[in-house]
C-alpha atoms as a PDB file:
ATOM      1  CA  MET A   1     -42.018  16.448  66.043  1.00  0.00           C
ATOM      2  CA  PRO A   2     -43.938  14.442  63.644  1.00  0.00           C
ATOM      3  CA  ALA A   3     -46.378  15.458  61.011  1.00  0.00           C
ATOM      4  CA  ALA A   4     -49.182  17.141  62.858  1.00  0.00           C
ATOM      5  CA  ALA A   5     -46.826  18.100  65.654  1.00  0.00           C
ATOM      6  CA  LEU A   6     -45.642  21.505  64.440  1.00  0.00           C
ATOM      7  CA  CYS A   7     -46.032  23.878  61.551  1.00  0.00           C
ATOM      8  CA  LEU A   8     -42.649  23.783  59.886  1.00  0.00           C
ATOM      9  CA  ILE A   9     -40.689  26.549  58.269  1.00  0.00           C
ATOM     10  CA  ALA A  10     -37.928  26.475  55.647  1.00  0.00           C
ATOM     11  CA  LEU A  11     -36.357  29.037  53.367  1.00  0.00           C
ATOM     12  CA  VAL A  12     -33.893  26.767  51.667  1.00  0.00           C
ATOM     13  CA  CYS A  13     -32.550  26.352  48.168  1.00  0.00           C
ATOM     14  CA  LEU A  14     -29.387  24.796  46.835  1.00  0.00           C
ATOM     15  CA  CYS A  15     -27.778  28.168  46.212  1.00  0.00           C
ATOM     16  CA  CYS A  16     -29.037  29.504  49.566  1.00  0.00           C
ATOM     17  CA  VAL A  17     -30.733  32.629  48.239  1.00  0.00           C
ATOM     18  CA  ALA A  18     -34.322  33.795  48.570  1.00  0.00           C
ATOM     19  CA  VAL A  19     -36.750  32.491  45.955  1.00  0.00           C
ATOM     20  CA  PRO A  20     -40.427  33.243  45.283  1.00  0.00           C
ATOM     21  CA  ALA A  21     -42.878  31.451  47.563  1.00  0.00           C
ATOM     22  CA  ALA A  22     -44.370  29.464  44.682  1.00  0.00           C
ATOM     23  CA  ALA A  23     -40.952  28.024  43.840  1.00  0.00           C
ATOM     24  CA  GLN A  24     -40.543  26.810  47.406  1.00  0.00           C
ATOM     25  CA  LYS A  25     -43.428  24.361  47.304  1.00  0.00           C
ATOM     26  CA  PRO A  26     -42.130  20.770  47.082  1.00  0.00           C
ATOM     27  CA  ASP A  27     -43.238  18.686  44.112  1.00  0.00           C
ATOM     28  CA  GLU A  28     -45.164  15.733  45.499  1.00  0.00           C
ATOM     29  CA  LYS A  29     -45.325  14.079  42.072  1.00  0.00           C
ATOM     30  CA  ALA A  30     -41.530  13.704  42.063  1.00  0.00           C
ATOM     31  CA  TRP A  31     -41.692  11.227  44.953  1.00  0.00           C
ATOM     32  CA  GLN A  32     -41.883   7.451  44.465  1.00  0.00           C
ATOM     33  CA  ASP A  33     -43.454   4.798  46.685  1.00  0.00           C
ATOM     34  CA  PHE A  34     -42.544   1.108  46.467  1.00  0.00           C
ATOM     35  CA  THR A  35     -44.537  -1.967  47.459  1.00  0.00           C
ATOM     36  CA  PRO A  36     -42.042  -4.720  48.307  1.00  0.00           C
ATOM     37  CA  ASP A  37     -43.174  -8.190  49.274  1.00  0.00           C
ATOM     38  CA  MET A  38     -42.593  -8.039  53.013  1.00  0.00           C
ATOM     39  CA  PRO A  39     -41.413  -9.713  55.120  1.00  0.00           C
ATOM     40  CA  ALA A  40     -40.027 -11.974  52.363  1.00  0.00           C
ATOM     41  CA  SER A  41     -37.939  -9.125  50.913  1.00  0.00           C
ATOM     42  CA  ALA A  42     -36.329  -8.141  54.241  1.00  0.00           C
ATOM     43  CA  VAL A  43     -32.539  -7.960  54.003  1.00  0.00           C
ATOM     44  CA  LYS A  44     -30.441 -10.485  55.894  1.00  0.00           C
ATOM     45  CA  ARG A  45     -27.972  -8.908  58.286  1.00  0.00           C
ATOM     46  CA  LEU A  46     -24.355  -9.749  57.385  1.00  0.00           C
ATOM     47  CA  ASN A  47     -22.655  -7.250  59.704  1.00  0.00           C
ATOM     48  CA  HIS A  48     -23.366  -4.405  62.105  1.00  0.00           C
ATOM     49  CA  ARG A  49     -20.758  -2.041  60.666  1.00  0.00           C
ATOM     50  CA  TYR A  50     -22.894  -0.665  57.843  1.00  0.00           C
ATOM     51  CA  PRO A  51     -26.546   0.123  57.106  1.00  0.00           C
ATOM     52  CA  LEU A  52     -28.778  -2.898  56.681  1.00  0.00           C
ATOM     53  CA  SER A  53     -29.640  -1.839  53.129  1.00  0.00           C
ATOM     54  CA  ASP A  54     -25.952  -1.457  52.224  1.00  0.00           C
ATOM     55  CA  GLN A  55     -24.167  -4.335  53.934  1.00  0.00           C
ATOM     56  CA  ARG A  56     -21.227  -4.204  51.503  1.00  0.00           C
ATOM     57  CA  ASN A  57     -20.837  -0.451  52.033  1.00  0.00           C
ATOM     58  CA  ALA A  58     -21.141   0.572  48.414  1.00  0.00           C
ATOM     59  CA  GLY A  59     -21.988   4.036  49.716  1.00  0.00           C
ATOM     60  CA  GLY A  60     -18.666   4.461  51.503  1.00  0.00           C
ATOM     61  CA  TRP A  61     -20.255   5.047  54.918  1.00  0.00           C
ATOM     62  CA  LEU A  62     -18.255   5.989  58.009  1.00  0.00           C
ATOM     63  CA  LYS A  63     -19.766   5.773  61.492  1.00  0.00           C
ATOM     64  CA  TYR A  64     -20.955   9.087  62.930  1.00  0.00           C
ATOM     65  CA  ALA A  65     -20.484   8.582  66.677  1.00  0.00           C
ATOM     66  CA  PRO A  66     -22.290  11.708  68.001  1.00  0.00           C
ATOM     67  CA  MET A  67     -25.652  10.270  66.946  1.00  0.00           C
ATOM     68  CA  SER A  68     -24.959   6.566  67.385  1.00  0.00           C
ATOM     69  CA  ASP A  69     -25.901   4.722  70.583  1.00  0.00           C
ATOM     70  CA  GLU A  70     -26.374   1.047  71.438  1.00  0.00           C
ATOM     71  CA  PHE A  71     -28.063   1.968  74.752  1.00  0.00           C
ATOM     72  CA  ASN A  72     -26.070  -0.642  76.636  1.00  0.00           C
ATOM     73  CA  GLY A  73     -25.502   1.425  79.758  1.00  0.00           C
ATOM     74  CA  ARG A  74     -27.675   2.098  82.788  1.00  0.00           C
ATOM     75  CA  ARG A  75     -28.690   5.622  81.857  1.00  0.00           C
ATOM     76  CA  LEU A  76     -29.078   7.927  78.915  1.00  0.00           C
ATOM     77  CA  ASP A  77     -25.766   9.403  77.727  1.00  0.00           C
ATOM     78  CA  PRO A  78     -25.963  13.065  78.865  1.00  0.00           C
ATOM     79  CA  ASP A  79     -23.322  14.103  76.341  1.00  0.00           C
ATOM     80  CA  LYS A  80     -25.555  13.046  73.442  1.00  0.00           C
ATOM     81  CA  TRP A  81     -29.171  13.296  74.583  1.00  0.00           C
ATOM     82  CA  PHE A  82     -31.783  15.297  76.441  1.00  0.00           C
ATOM     83  CA  ASP A  83     -34.330  13.166  78.348  1.00  0.00           C
ATOM     84  CA  ARG A  84     -37.030  15.520  77.026  1.00  0.00           C
ATOM     85  CA  ASN A  85     -37.461  17.959  74.182  1.00  0.00           C
ATOM     86  CA  PRO A  86     -36.102  21.285  75.498  1.00  0.00           C
ATOM     87  CA  ASN A  87     -38.032  23.168  72.791  1.00  0.00           C
ATOM     88  CA  TRP A  88     -41.426  21.550  73.301  1.00  0.00           C
ATOM     89  CA  LYS A  89     -43.359  20.231  76.307  1.00  0.00           C
ATOM     90  CA  GLY A  90     -45.445  17.717  74.371  1.00  0.00           C
ATOM     91  CA  ARG A  91     -48.683  17.525  72.421  1.00  0.00           C
ATOM     92  CA  GLN A  92     -51.575  18.107  74.766  1.00  0.00           C
ATOM     93  CA  PRO A  93     -52.951  16.530  76.758  1.00  0.00           C
ATOM     94  CA  ALA A  94     -49.754  14.475  77.372  1.00  0.00           C
ATOM     95  CA  TRP A  95     -46.665  16.145  78.850  1.00  0.00           C
ATOM     96  CA  PHE A  96     -43.146  14.861  78.098  1.00  0.00           C
ATOM     97  CA  ALA A  97     -42.025  13.646  81.536  1.00  0.00           C
ATOM     98  CA  PRO A  98     -38.283  12.876  81.874  1.00  0.00           C
ATOM     99  CA  THR A  99     -39.197  10.137  84.352  1.00  0.00           C
ATOM    100  CA  ASN A 100     -40.764   8.212  81.460  1.00  0.00           C
ATOM    101  CA  VAL A 101     -37.359   7.860  79.770  1.00  0.00           C
ATOM    102  CA  ARG A 102     -35.113   4.994  80.858  1.00  0.00           C
ATOM    103  CA  VAL A 103     -32.284   2.828  79.572  1.00  0.00           C
ATOM    104  CA  SER A 104     -32.295  -0.835  80.582  1.00  0.00           C
ATOM    105  CA  GLY A 105     -31.750  -4.270  79.084  1.00  0.00           C
ATOM    106  CA  GLY A 106     -29.698  -2.822  76.224  1.00  0.00           C
ATOM    107  CA  ALA A 107     -32.461  -0.508  74.967  1.00  0.00           C
ATOM    108  CA  LEU A 108     -33.954   2.949  75.334  1.00  0.00           C
ATOM    109  CA  HIS A 109     -37.565   2.938  76.547  1.00  0.00           C
ATOM    110  CA  LEU A 110     -40.117   5.747  76.202  1.00  0.00           C
ATOM    111  CA  THR A 111     -43.326   5.145  78.143  1.00  0.00           C
ATOM    112  CA  MET A 112     -46.801   6.689  78.104  1.00  0.00           C
ATOM    113  CA  ARG A 113     -48.850   6.590  81.316  1.00  0.00           C
ATOM    114  CA  VAL A 114     -52.142   7.603  82.842  1.00  0.00           C
ATOM    115  CA  GLU A 115     -50.698  10.198  85.170  1.00  0.00           C
ATOM    116  CA  GLU A 116     -51.434  13.804  86.068  1.00  0.00           C
ATOM    117  CA  PRO A 117     -48.530  16.138  85.271  1.00  0.00           C
ATOM    118  CA  PRO A 118     -47.220  18.680  87.800  1.00  0.00           C
ATOM    119  CA  ALA A 119     -49.393  21.634  88.783  1.00  0.00           C
ATOM    120  CA  GLU A 120     -47.552  24.083  86.534  1.00  0.00           C
ATOM    121  CA  ARG A 121     -48.211  21.854  83.524  1.00  0.00           C
ATOM    122  CA  LEU A 122     -51.871  21.423  84.497  1.00  0.00           C
ATOM    123  CA  ALA A 123     -52.141  25.210  84.420  1.00  0.00           C
ATOM    124  CA  GLU A 124     -50.809  25.130  80.840  1.00  0.00           C
ATOM    125  CA  GLY A 125     -53.440  22.666  79.670  1.00  0.00           C
ATOM    126  CA  TYR A 126     -51.660  19.311  80.076  1.00  0.00           C
ATOM    127  CA  HIS A 127     -53.638  16.623  81.904  1.00  0.00           C
ATOM    128  CA  THR A 128     -54.424  12.924  82.351  1.00  0.00           C
ATOM    129  CA  PHE A 129     -51.373  11.531  80.528  1.00  0.00           C
ATOM    130  CA  THR A 130     -47.603  11.763  80.558  1.00  0.00           C
ATOM    131  CA  SER A 131     -45.409  10.609  77.695  1.00  0.00           C
ATOM    132  CA  ALA A 132     -41.743  10.800  76.729  1.00  0.00           C
ATOM    133  CA  ALA A 133     -39.239  12.402  74.368  1.00  0.00           C
ATOM    134  CA  VAL A 134     -35.502  12.165  73.722  1.00  0.00           C
ATOM    135  CA  ARG A 135     -33.739  14.816  71.629  1.00  0.00           C
ATOM    136  CA  SER A 136     -30.141  14.953  70.467  1.00  0.00           C
ATOM    137  CA  LYS A 137     -27.914  17.709  71.805  1.00  0.00           C
ATOM    138  CA  GLY A 138     -26.137  17.999  68.482  1.00  0.00           C
ATOM    139  CA  GLU A 139     -27.348  18.718  64.971  1.00  0.00           C
ATOM    140  CA  VAL A 140     -26.583  16.807  61.801  1.00  0.00           C
ATOM    141  CA  LEU A 141     -26.716  17.562  58.087  1.00  0.00           C
ATOM    142  CA  TYR A 142     -27.031  14.509  55.796  1.00  0.00           C
ATOM    143  CA  GLY A 143     -26.153  10.905  56.465  1.00  0.00           C
ATOM    144  CA  TYR A 144     -27.657   7.465  56.920  1.00  0.00           C
ATOM    145  CA  PHE A 145     -29.630   6.902  60.125  1.00  0.00           C
ATOM    146  CA  GLU A 146     -30.857   3.492  61.226  1.00  0.00           C
ATOM    147  CA  VAL A 147     -32.854   2.386  64.268  1.00  0.00           C
ATOM    148  CA  ARG A 148     -34.145  -0.950  65.473  1.00  0.00           C
ATOM    149  CA  VAL A 149     -37.337  -0.365  67.424  1.00  0.00           C
ATOM    150  CA  LYS A 150     -40.537  -1.895  68.716  1.00  0.00           C
ATOM    151  CA  ALA A 151     -43.529   0.445  68.574  1.00  0.00           C
ATOM    152  CA  MET A 152     -45.852   0.787  71.540  1.00  0.00           C
ATOM    153  CA  ARG A 153     -49.255  -0.876  71.307  1.00  0.00           C
ATOM    154  CA  SER A 154     -51.648   1.903  72.271  1.00  0.00           C
ATOM    155  CA  HIS A 155     -53.135   5.041  70.751  1.00  0.00           C
ATOM    156  CA  GLY A 156     -49.896   6.793  71.706  1.00  0.00           C
ATOM    157  CA  SER A 157     -47.538   7.427  68.809  1.00  0.00           C
ATOM    158  CA  SER A 158     -44.094   5.913  68.314  1.00  0.00           C
ATOM    159  CA  ALA A 159     -41.954   8.257  66.246  1.00  0.00           C
ATOM    160  CA  PHE A 160     -38.404   8.881  65.001  1.00  0.00           C
ATOM    161  CA  TRP A 161     -37.813  12.225  63.290  1.00  0.00           C
ATOM    162  CA  PHE A 162     -35.532  15.182  62.633  1.00  0.00           C
ATOM    163  CA  TYR A 163     -36.284  18.896  62.830  1.00  0.00           C
ATOM    164  CA  LYS A 164     -34.820  22.317  63.591  1.00  0.00           C
ATOM    165  CA  THR A 165     -36.305  25.743  64.188  1.00  0.00           C
ATOM    166  CA  ASP A 166     -34.352  28.783  63.025  1.00  0.00           C
ATOM    167  CA  PRO A 167     -35.667  32.334  62.545  1.00  0.00           C
ATOM    168  CA  ASP A 168     -35.579  32.025  58.757  1.00  0.00           C
ATOM    169  CA  ARG A 169     -36.285  28.317  58.226  1.00  0.00           C
ATOM    170  CA  TRP A 170     -37.887  25.370  59.944  1.00  0.00           C
ATOM    171  CA  THR A 171     -37.835  21.924  58.348  1.00  0.00           C
ATOM    172  CA  GLU A 172     -38.652  18.372  59.396  1.00  0.00           C
ATOM    173  CA  ILE A 173     -38.057  14.819  58.215  1.00  0.00           C
ATOM    174  CA  ASP A 174     -40.219  12.131  59.831  1.00  0.00           C
ATOM    175  CA  VAL A 175     -38.638   8.700  59.438  1.00  0.00           C
ATOM    176  CA  PHE A 176     -41.713   7.057  60.918  1.00  0.00           C
ATOM    177  CA  GLU A 177     -44.867   7.704  62.894  1.00  0.00           C
ATOM    178  CA  ILE A 178     -46.794   4.671  64.083  1.00  0.00           C
ATOM    179  CA  GLY A 179     -50.061   4.365  65.992  1.00  0.00           C
ATOM    180  CA  GLY A 180     -49.424   0.774  66.975  1.00  0.00           C
ATOM    181  CA  GLY A 181     -52.614   0.253  68.957  1.00  0.00           C
ATOM    182  CA  ALA A 182     -54.933   2.795  67.353  1.00  0.00           C
ATOM    183  CA  PRO A 183     -57.800   1.059  65.502  1.00  0.00           C
ATOM    184  CA  GLY A 184     -57.220   1.208  61.760  1.00  0.00           C
ATOM    185  CA  PHE A 185     -53.606   2.353  62.161  1.00  0.00           C
ATOM    186  CA  GLU A 186     -51.920  -0.813  63.451  1.00  0.00           C
ATOM    187  CA  ARG A 187     -50.343  -1.581  60.062  1.00  0.00           C
ATOM    188  CA  LYS A 188     -49.824   1.936  58.701  1.00  0.00           C
ATOM    189  CA  LEU A 189     -46.318   3.365  58.486  1.00  0.00           C
ATOM    190  CA  PHE A 190     -46.291   7.139  57.975  1.00  0.00           C
ATOM    191  CA  GLN A 191     -43.185   8.756  56.427  1.00  0.00           C
ATOM    192  CA  THR A 192     -43.347  12.501  55.827  1.00  0.00           C
ATOM    193  CA  VAL A 193     -41.296  15.586  55.061  1.00  0.00           C
ATOM    194  CA  HIS A 194     -42.397  19.099  56.005  1.00  0.00           C
ATOM    195  CA  VAL A 195     -41.514  22.686  55.170  1.00  0.00           C
ATOM    196  CA  PHE A 196     -43.148  26.005  55.969  1.00  0.00           C
ATOM    197  CA  PRO A 197     -41.663  28.983  54.114  1.00  0.00           C
ATOM    198  CA  PRO A 198     -41.752  32.095  56.321  1.00  0.00           C
ATOM    199  CA  SER A 199     -42.898  34.210  53.382  1.00  0.00           C
ATOM    200  CA  VAL A 200     -46.257  32.413  53.104  1.00  0.00           C
ATOM    201  CA  LYS A 201     -48.703  31.153  55.699  1.00  0.00           C
ATOM    202  CA  GLU A 202     -48.994  27.643  54.344  1.00  0.00           C
ATOM    203  CA  HIS A 203     -47.648  24.340  55.616  1.00  0.00           C
ATOM    204  CA  PHE A 204     -46.166  22.195  52.841  1.00  0.00           C
ATOM    205  CA  GLN A 205     -45.835  18.472  53.412  1.00  0.00           C
ATOM    206  CA  ILE A 206     -45.248  15.354  51.357  1.00  0.00           C
ATOM    207  CA  GLY A 207     -46.287  12.165  53.047  1.00  0.00           C
ATOM    208  CA  GLY A 208     -46.334   8.490  52.263  1.00  0.00           C
ATOM    209  CA  VAL A 209     -48.266   5.704  53.972  1.00  0.00           C
ATOM    210  CA  TRP A 210     -47.044   2.139  53.592  1.00  0.00           C
ATOM    211  CA  GLN A 211     -49.501  -0.589  54.508  1.00  0.00           C
ATOM    212  CA  ALA A 212     -47.675  -3.411  56.274  1.00  0.00           C
ATOM    213  CA  PRO A 213     -48.866  -7.046  56.072  1.00  0.00           C
ATOM    214  CA  TYR A 214     -48.482  -7.292  59.866  1.00  0.00           C
ATOM    215  CA  ASP A 215     -49.107  -5.173  62.944  1.00  0.00           C
ATOM    216  CA  LEU A 216     -46.073  -2.920  63.319  1.00  0.00           C
ATOM    217  CA  ALA A 217     -46.109  -3.234  67.119  1.00  0.00           C
ATOM    218  CA  ASP A 218     -45.892  -7.039  66.958  1.00  0.00           C
ATOM    219  CA  ASP A 219     -42.121  -7.204  66.584  1.00  0.00           C
ATOM    220  CA  TRP A 220     -38.859  -5.317  66.275  1.00  0.00           C
ATOM    221  CA  HIS A 221     -38.153  -3.674  62.907  1.00  0.00           C
ATOM    222  CA  VAL A 222     -35.256  -1.734  61.407  1.00  0.00           C
ATOM    223  CA  TYR A 223     -36.095   1.683  59.967  1.00  0.00           C
ATOM    224  CA  GLY A 224     -33.639   3.692  57.905  1.00  0.00           C
ATOM    225  CA  LEU A 225     -33.273   7.193  56.476  1.00  0.00           C
ATOM    226  CA  GLU A 226     -30.733   8.012  53.767  1.00  0.00           C
ATOM    227  CA  TRP A 227     -30.485  11.788  53.386  1.00  0.00           C
ATOM    228  CA  ASP A 228     -28.060  13.686  51.196  1.00  0.00           C
ATOM    229  CA  GLU A 229     -27.982  16.911  49.204  1.00  0.00           C
ATOM    230  CA  ARG A 230     -29.799  15.298  46.270  1.00  0.00           C
ATOM    231  CA  GLU A 231     -32.299  12.786  47.641  1.00  0.00           C
ATOM    232  CA  ILE A 232     -34.190  11.406  50.644  1.00  0.00           C
ATOM    233  CA  LYS A 233     -34.841   7.662  50.945  1.00  0.00           C
ATOM    234  CA  TYR A 234     -36.801   5.656  53.506  1.00  0.00           C
ATOM    235  CA  TYR A 235     -36.156   1.981  54.345  1.00  0.00           C
ATOM    236  CA  LEU A 236     -37.835  -0.766  56.357  1.00  0.00           C
ATOM    237  CA  ASP A 237     -35.821  -3.857  57.305  1.00  0.00           C
ATOM    238  CA  GLY A 238     -33.251  -2.903  54.670  1.00  0.00           C
ATOM    239  CA  VAL A 239     -35.802  -2.498  51.852  1.00  0.00           C
ATOM    240  CA  LEU A 240     -36.481   0.782  50.045  1.00  0.00           C
ATOM    241  CA  LEU A 241     -40.042   2.036  50.618  1.00  0.00           C
ATOM    242  CA  ARG A 242     -39.977   5.659  49.465  1.00  0.00           C
ATOM    243  CA  ARG A 243     -37.697   8.169  47.774  1.00  0.00           C
ATOM    244  CA  GLY A 244     -37.821  11.764  46.595  1.00  0.00           C
ATOM    245  CA  PRO A 245     -35.648  14.720  45.571  1.00  0.00           C
ATOM    246  CA  ASN A 246     -34.140  16.846  48.302  1.00  0.00           C
ATOM    247  CA  THR A 247     -35.456  20.239  47.290  1.00  0.00           C
ATOM    248  CA  HIS A 248     -35.688  21.871  50.733  1.00  0.00           C
ATOM    249  CA  TRP A 249     -34.014  19.803  53.461  1.00  0.00           C
ATOM    250  CA  HIS A 250     -30.547  21.367  53.614  1.00  0.00           C
ATOM    251  CA  GLN A 251     -30.646  22.524  57.217  1.00  0.00           C
ATOM    252  CA  PRO A 252     -28.740  20.859  60.103  1.00  0.00           C
ATOM    253  CA  LEU A 253     -31.389  19.105  62.210  1.00  0.00           C
ATOM    254  CA  TRP A 254     -31.862  17.614  65.667  1.00  0.00           C
ATOM    255  CA  MET A 255     -32.637  13.898  66.021  1.00  0.00           C
ATOM    256  CA  ASN A 256     -35.742  12.994  68.029  1.00  0.00           C
ATOM    257  CA  PHE A 257     -37.558  10.010  69.469  1.00  0.00           C
ATOM    258  CA  ASP A 258     -40.930  10.514  71.119  1.00  0.00           C
ATOM    259  CA  SER A 259     -44.407   9.295  71.941  1.00  0.00           C
ATOM    260  CA  GLU A 260     -47.278  11.764  71.729  1.00  0.00           C
ATOM    261  CA  THR A 261     -50.989  11.843  72.303  1.00  0.00           C
ATOM    262  CA  MET A 262     -52.602  12.462  68.893  1.00  0.00           C
ATOM    263  CA  PRO A 263     -56.262  13.297  69.697  1.00  0.00           C
ATOM    264  CA  GLU A 264     -57.171  14.314  66.148  1.00  0.00           C
ATOM    265  CA  TRP A 265     -55.265  11.505  64.455  1.00  0.00           C
ATOM    266  CA  PHE A 266     -54.851   8.284  66.443  1.00  0.00           C
ATOM    267  CA  GLY A 267     -57.347   9.299  69.116  1.00  0.00           C
ATOM    268  CA  LEU A 268     -56.701   9.565  72.836  1.00  0.00           C
ATOM    269  CA  PRO A 269     -55.199   6.508  74.561  1.00  0.00           C
ATOM    270  CA  ARG A 270     -57.485   4.149  76.430  1.00  0.00           C
ATOM    271  CA  PRO A 271     -56.442   4.005  80.091  1.00  0.00           C
ATOM    272  CA  GLN A 272     -56.603   0.191  80.029  1.00  0.00           C
ATOM    273  CA  ASP A 273     -53.870   0.140  77.347  1.00  0.00           C
ATOM    274  CA  LEU A 274     -51.411   2.087  79.494  1.00  0.00           C
ATOM    275  CA  PRO A 275     -48.645   2.107  80.424  1.00  0.00           C
ATOM    276  CA  SER A 276     -47.317   1.347  76.954  1.00  0.00           C
ATOM    277  CA  THR A 277     -43.700   1.570  75.845  1.00  0.00           C
ATOM    278  CA  PHE A 278     -41.844   2.456  72.656  1.00  0.00           C
ATOM    279  CA  SER A 279     -38.422   0.745  72.764  1.00  0.00           C
ATOM    280  CA  VAL A 280     -35.254   1.524  70.784  1.00  0.00           C
ATOM    281  CA  ASP A 281     -32.595  -1.188  70.595  1.00  0.00           C
ATOM    282  CA  TYR A 282     -30.065   1.074  68.888  1.00  0.00           C
ATOM    283  CA  VAL A 283     -29.593   4.142  66.736  1.00  0.00           C
ATOM    284  CA  ARG A 284     -26.691   4.117  64.256  1.00  0.00           C
ATOM    285  CA  ALA A 285     -25.542   6.984  62.108  1.00  0.00           C
ATOM    286  CA  TRP A 286     -23.107   7.170  59.218  1.00  0.00           C
ATOM    287  CA  GLN A 287     -21.832   9.875  56.920  1.00  0.00           C
ATOM    288  CA  LYS A 288     -20.066   9.701  53.572  1.00  0.00           C
ATOM    289  CA  ARG A 289     -16.285   9.698  53.305  1.00  0.00           C
ATOM    290  CA  GLY A 290     -14.863  13.122  52.618  1.00  0.00           C
END
């Protein structure tokens, strides 16, 4: 779950042995941010077989079916997805309601509403709003992951991210978090990695914020993550926005889509802006040959 969503834990190194806590802290200075001329630099789609940023498949990508979905059916594929996050009920006050997840018109839709959750959730502190989450049933380690989405226009977040919680490590890669209707955030694209070593009580994160020349909720955009044992790269409409060394993210992770209430970040949604919907046209995954 995105940035402020969880404290994240990882005890990971390339040789998979314990290292001192100080050595575990990621080096933020090793990351690079780019400022392409968008939308003029956006890549033209030549085919749907390969990532938008690698249309000639120089990377040798092969489709990874377990985490690819065109959402062309009438319901969410139960072999691939949960219509909720089975490990998390949502960021309060909004509860992840499975009824807010639907597939129609060739897309996955996650909706936020003004709606009281069930009594048992009210007793846990959820109230006023319901939202939505979809989590993969499988895990994945490395690959190229691409989604075409339209962010919701409200204070509710629109997010695509990866994470996993294990007893000895807990890491997260946020491909994007968008507050499409939150004042001051309409054009900000947040891309963040997280790690929380269990040996120290400190949350490490490295985040980038790209300022778009347009409101991100105005139209559909293609977001990409290239993740391998050496590097992590973020793309928008086929253009590289951010890259950094993969020092900690060597754990198989779950794939997630969700919308959360972010009271301390985007602010609580305005009832007049709801319902609002975060839509996903497709998710496509590839892995390297061999």
